[in-house]
Amino acid sequence: MRLYIIRHGQTAWNREEVFRGTRDIPLNEVGLKEAAALADSLHKIRFDALYTSPLSRARQTADAVAKHQSLSPQIEPLLTDLNFGAWQGRPHEEVKQEYPELYQTWVTAPEQTHFPEGASLQDVLNHADTLLANLRETHQGQTVGLFTHRVVCKVLICRLLGLGLGHFWQIEQSTACLNRFRLKGNLWICEALNSQCHLTPLAAMRTTADF
């Protein structure tokens, strides 16, 4: 089984460093170009299934790739972004000022953070474990694409590499990047991580912030 884990393209809130979470923010102009470039780079890959978060930024990215495939993306709620609760829709710096202690915990010990009125990385990990078990049961020997969000990508990668959630910040996931894993027995082999080669022509218009 091969698993492609793909982060959605850029949105306005990525550039403005606003917490998105479960808010439904569409791709911006750059994000649409990123999705198209991603789709072009994957057009020779024959996917057996495509799954996407229900949020539009992931769905738009999945739809771009699906245009080259003979299948449609399936909505998978387990791929939904982390619920940042009271932080959603608020700029990074504003949250840092209002919640200094919790924000410091988030950047130093993310696995210990539970967002007010929201969820935690452990909640995302629980969803990831359920998803991976379902995929292994349903798609043995197949190639599957997952279209999701920065936090979900990071948590999935931690799980596949056998890393604890404390390693969350050591994994960078840029907009419209792809990660590729191959299942060998019970071991997930990492073949590509945060790959952005397909986005080189767009470098001048992309933000480099891991947000």
Protein backbone atom coordinates (compact mmCIF):
# COMPACT_ATOMS: atom_id res chain seq x y z
CA MET A 1 0.00 0.00 0.00
CA ARG A 2 1.19 3.51 -0.84
CA LEU A 3 -0.19 6.49 0.99
CA TYR A 4 0.04 10.06 -0.27
CA ILE A 5 -0.63 12.60 2.50
CA ILE A 6 -1.24 16.01 0.97
CA ARG A 7 -1.72 19.39 2.59
CA HIS A 8 -4.19 21.76 0.95
CA GLY A 9 -3.07 24.84 -0.98
CA GLN A 10 -2.69 28.33 0.41
CA THR A 11 -5.60 30.39 1.79
CA ALA A 12 -5.83 34.06 2.76
CA TRP A 13 -5.60 33.03 6.40
CA ASN A 14 -2.32 31.22 5.79
CA ARG A 15 -0.73 34.43 4.51
CA GLU A 16 -2.27 36.48 7.32
CA GLU A 17 -1.32 33.90 9.99
CA VAL A 18 -4.85 33.43 11.28
CA PHE A 19 -5.89 30.23 13.07
CA ARG A 20 -8.19 28.30 10.72
CA GLY A 21 -9.13 24.99 12.32
CA THR A 22 -12.66 23.95 11.41
CA ARG A 23 -13.53 27.30 9.81
CA ASP A 24 -14.28 26.75 6.12
CA ILE A 25 -11.81 28.98 4.29
CA PRO A 26 -11.37 28.48 0.52
CA LEU A 27 -8.12 28.53 -1.43
CA ASN A 28 -6.88 31.91 -2.56
CA GLU A 29 -5.42 32.61 -6.02
CA VAL A 30 -2.02 31.24 -5.04
CA GLY A 31 -3.62 28.17 -3.47
CA LEU A 32 -5.51 27.39 -6.67
CA LYS A 33 -2.25 27.59 -8.63
CA GLU A 34 -0.56 25.36 -6.07
CA ALA A 35 -3.35 22.81 -6.41
CA ALA A 36 -3.05 22.87 -10.19
CA ALA A 37 0.73 22.39 -10.02
CA LEU A 38 0.27 19.52 -7.57
CA ALA A 39 -2.27 17.92 -9.89
CA ASP A 40 0.11 18.17 -12.87
CA SER A 41 2.88 16.49 -10.88
CA LEU A 42 0.62 13.56 -9.93
CA HIS A 43 -1.16 13.03 -13.23
CA LYS A 44 0.77 9.82 -13.98
CA ILE A 45 -0.01 8.28 -10.58
CA ARG A 46 -2.95 5.87 -10.70
CA PHE A 47 -4.80 6.32 -7.43
CA ASP A 48 -7.23 3.66 -6.26
CA ALA A 49 -8.95 6.07 -3.88
CA LEU A 50 -8.89 9.73 -2.90
CA TYR A 51 -10.14 10.94 0.48
CA THR A 52 -10.56 14.55 1.52
CA SER A 53 -11.42 16.60 4.56
CA PRO A 54 -14.90 18.10 4.20
CA LEU A 55 -13.47 21.64 4.41
CA SER A 56 -13.39 23.46 1.09
CA ARG A 57 -9.65 24.22 1.03
CA ALA A 58 -8.89 20.49 1.10
CA ARG A 59 -11.75 19.59 -1.25
CA GLN A 60 -10.57 22.13 -3.84
CA THR A 61 -7.08 20.66 -3.72
CA ALA A 62 -8.44 17.12 -4.04
CA ASP A 63 -10.72 18.11 -6.92
CA ALA A 64 -7.76 19.51 -8.85
CA VAL A 65 -5.93 16.17 -8.58
CA ALA A 66 -9.08 14.18 -9.31
CA LYS A 67 -9.42 15.84 -12.73
CA HIS A 68 -6.56 13.60 -13.90
CA GLN A 69 -8.05 10.48 -12.30
CA SER A 70 -11.02 8.26 -13.11
CA LEU A 71 -12.48 8.61 -9.62
CA SER A 72 -13.96 11.28 -7.36
CA PRO A 73 -12.67 12.28 -3.91
CA GLN A 74 -14.61 10.82 -1.01
CA ILE A 75 -15.42 13.06 1.96
CA GLU A 76 -13.74 11.74 5.13
CA PRO A 77 -14.63 13.59 8.37
CA LEU A 78 -11.64 11.99 10.13
CA LEU A 79 -9.41 14.24 7.99
CA THR A 80 -10.99 17.45 9.34
CA ASP A 81 -8.59 19.99 10.81
CA LEU A 82 -7.98 20.38 14.55
CA ASN A 83 -10.67 22.43 16.29
CA PHE A 84 -8.78 25.40 17.73
CA GLY A 85 -11.91 26.51 19.58
CA ALA A 86 -11.74 30.11 20.80
CA TRP A 87 -8.58 30.69 18.75
CA GLN A 88 -10.25 30.08 15.39
CA GLY A 89 -10.53 33.11 13.13
CA ARG A 90 -8.05 35.08 15.24
CA PRO A 91 -4.58 36.27 14.25
CA HIS A 92 -1.55 34.52 15.63
CA GLU A 93 -0.25 37.61 17.47
CA GLU A 94 -3.64 38.42 19.02
CA VAL A 95 -3.92 34.92 20.47
CA LYS A 96 -0.35 35.12 21.75
CA GLN A 97 -1.20 38.27 23.70
CA GLU A 98 -4.53 37.04 25.16
CA TYR A 99 -3.43 33.49 26.05
CA PRO A 100 0.30 33.86 26.83
CA GLU A 101 0.63 30.77 29.03
CA LEU A 102 -1.41 28.46 26.82
CA TYR A 103 0.27 29.80 23.71
CA GLN A 104 3.67 29.08 25.25
CA THR A 105 2.51 25.54 26.01
CA TRP A 106 1.37 25.16 22.40
CA VAL A 107 4.78 26.12 21.00
CA THR A 108 6.84 24.15 23.55
CA ALA A 109 4.67 21.17 24.54
CA PRO A 110 1.94 20.84 21.89
CA GLU A 111 0.92 17.40 23.12
CA GLN A 112 -0.17 18.98 26.43
CA THR A 113 -2.38 21.67 24.86
CA HIS A 114 -6.17 21.55 24.92
CA PHE A 115 -7.67 24.55 23.18
CA PRO A 116 -10.47 26.46 24.99
CA GLU A 117 -13.81 25.39 23.53
CA GLY A 118 -11.84 23.17 21.15
CA ALA A 119 -9.86 19.95 20.93
CA SER A 120 -6.30 18.65 21.31
CA LEU A 121 -3.63 16.84 19.30
CA GLN A 122 -4.65 13.64 21.07
CA ASP A 123 -8.12 14.01 19.54
CA VAL A 124 -6.53 14.33 16.11
CA LEU A 125 -4.34 11.29 16.81
CA ASN A 126 -7.39 9.24 17.79
CA HIS A 127 -8.99 10.12 14.46
CA ALA A 128 -5.76 9.31 12.63
CA ASP A 129 -5.54 5.87 14.23
CA THR A 130 -9.11 5.06 13.22
CA LEU A 131 -8.48 6.28 9.69
CA LEU A 132 -5.26 4.30 9.25
CA ALA A 133 -6.92 1.11 10.51
CA ASN A 134 -9.80 1.61 8.07
CA LEU A 135 -7.42 2.23 5.16
CA ARG A 136 -5.34 -0.86 5.89
CA GLU A 137 -8.49 -2.96 5.96
CA THR A 138 -10.00 -1.50 2.79
CA HIS A 139 -7.06 -0.66 0.52
CA GLN A 140 -4.44 -3.37 0.96
CA GLY A 141 -1.90 -3.16 -1.88
CA GLN A 142 -3.46 0.00 -3.30
CA THR A 143 -2.45 3.65 -3.77
CA VAL A 144 -4.46 6.15 -1.73
CA GLY A 145 -4.41 9.94 -1.58
CA LEU A 146 -5.40 11.89 1.56
CA PHE A 147 -6.10 15.62 1.33
CA THR A 148 -6.03 17.34 4.67
CA HIS A 149 -4.53 20.06 6.87
CA ARG A 150 -1.19 20.99 8.42
CA VAL A 151 -1.99 19.66 11.91
CA VAL A 152 -3.50 16.42 10.60
CA CYS A 153 -0.53 15.87 8.27
CA LYS A 154 1.92 16.35 11.13
CA VAL A 155 0.03 14.01 13.45
CA LEU A 156 -0.31 11.33 10.77
CA ILE A 157 3.41 11.54 10.03
CA CYS A 158 4.29 11.30 13.72
CA ARG A 159 2.19 8.14 13.97
CA LEU A 160 3.59 6.55 10.81
CA LEU A 161 7.18 7.23 11.91
CA GLY A 162 6.56 6.04 15.46
CA LEU A 163 7.14 9.49 16.97
CA GLY A 164 5.30 10.95 19.94
CA LEU A 165 3.25 14.12 19.58
CA GLY A 166 6.04 16.02 21.30
CA HIS A 167 7.84 15.91 17.93
CA PHE A 168 5.00 17.87 16.28
CA TRP A 169 7.03 21.03 15.63
CA GLN A 170 9.96 19.11 14.14
CA ILE A 171 7.88 18.25 11.07
CA GLU A 172 7.31 21.04 8.57
CA GLN A 173 4.32 20.93 6.24
CA SER A 174 4.08 23.69 3.65
CA THR A 175 0.96 24.45 1.66
CA ALA A 176 0.28 21.97 -1.17
CA CYS A 177 3.20 19.75 -0.10
CA LEU A 178 3.03 15.99 -0.44
CA ASN A 179 4.31 13.15 1.70
CA ARG A 180 4.55 9.56 0.48
CA PHE A 181 4.67 6.40 2.60
CA ARG A 182 4.86 2.73 1.65
CA LEU A 183 3.59 -0.03 3.91
CA LYS A 184 6.06 -2.93 4.17
CA GLY A 185 4.69 -5.61 6.46
CA ASN A 186 3.69 -3.61 9.53
CA LEU A 187 6.27 -0.87 8.94
CA TRP A 188 5.56 2.42 7.20
CA ILE A 189 8.51 3.50 5.04
CA CYS A 190 8.83 7.24 4.35
CA GLU A 191 9.61 7.86 0.67
CA ALA A 192 8.97 11.63 0.55
CA LEU A 193 8.42 14.28 3.23
CA ASN A 194 7.14 17.84 2.70
CA SER A 195 7.96 17.55 -1.01
CA GLN A 196 7.47 20.84 -2.86
CA CYS A 197 9.42 20.30 -6.08
CA HIS A 198 6.22 20.74 -8.07
CA LEU A 199 5.81 24.24 -6.60
CA THR A 200 9.18 25.67 -7.65
CA PRO A 201 7.69 27.83 -10.44
CA LEU A 202 5.43 29.48 -7.83
CA ALA A 203 8.19 30.26 -5.33
CA ALA A 204 8.02 34.04 -5.75
CA MET A 205 4.34 34.22 -4.76
CA ARG A 206 4.28 31.66 -1.94
CA THR A 207 4.72 32.31 1.76
CA THR A 208 7.45 30.30 3.46
CA ALA A 209 5.89 30.45 6.94
CA ASP A 210 4.93 27.09 8.42
CA PHE A 211 1.45 28.26 9.34
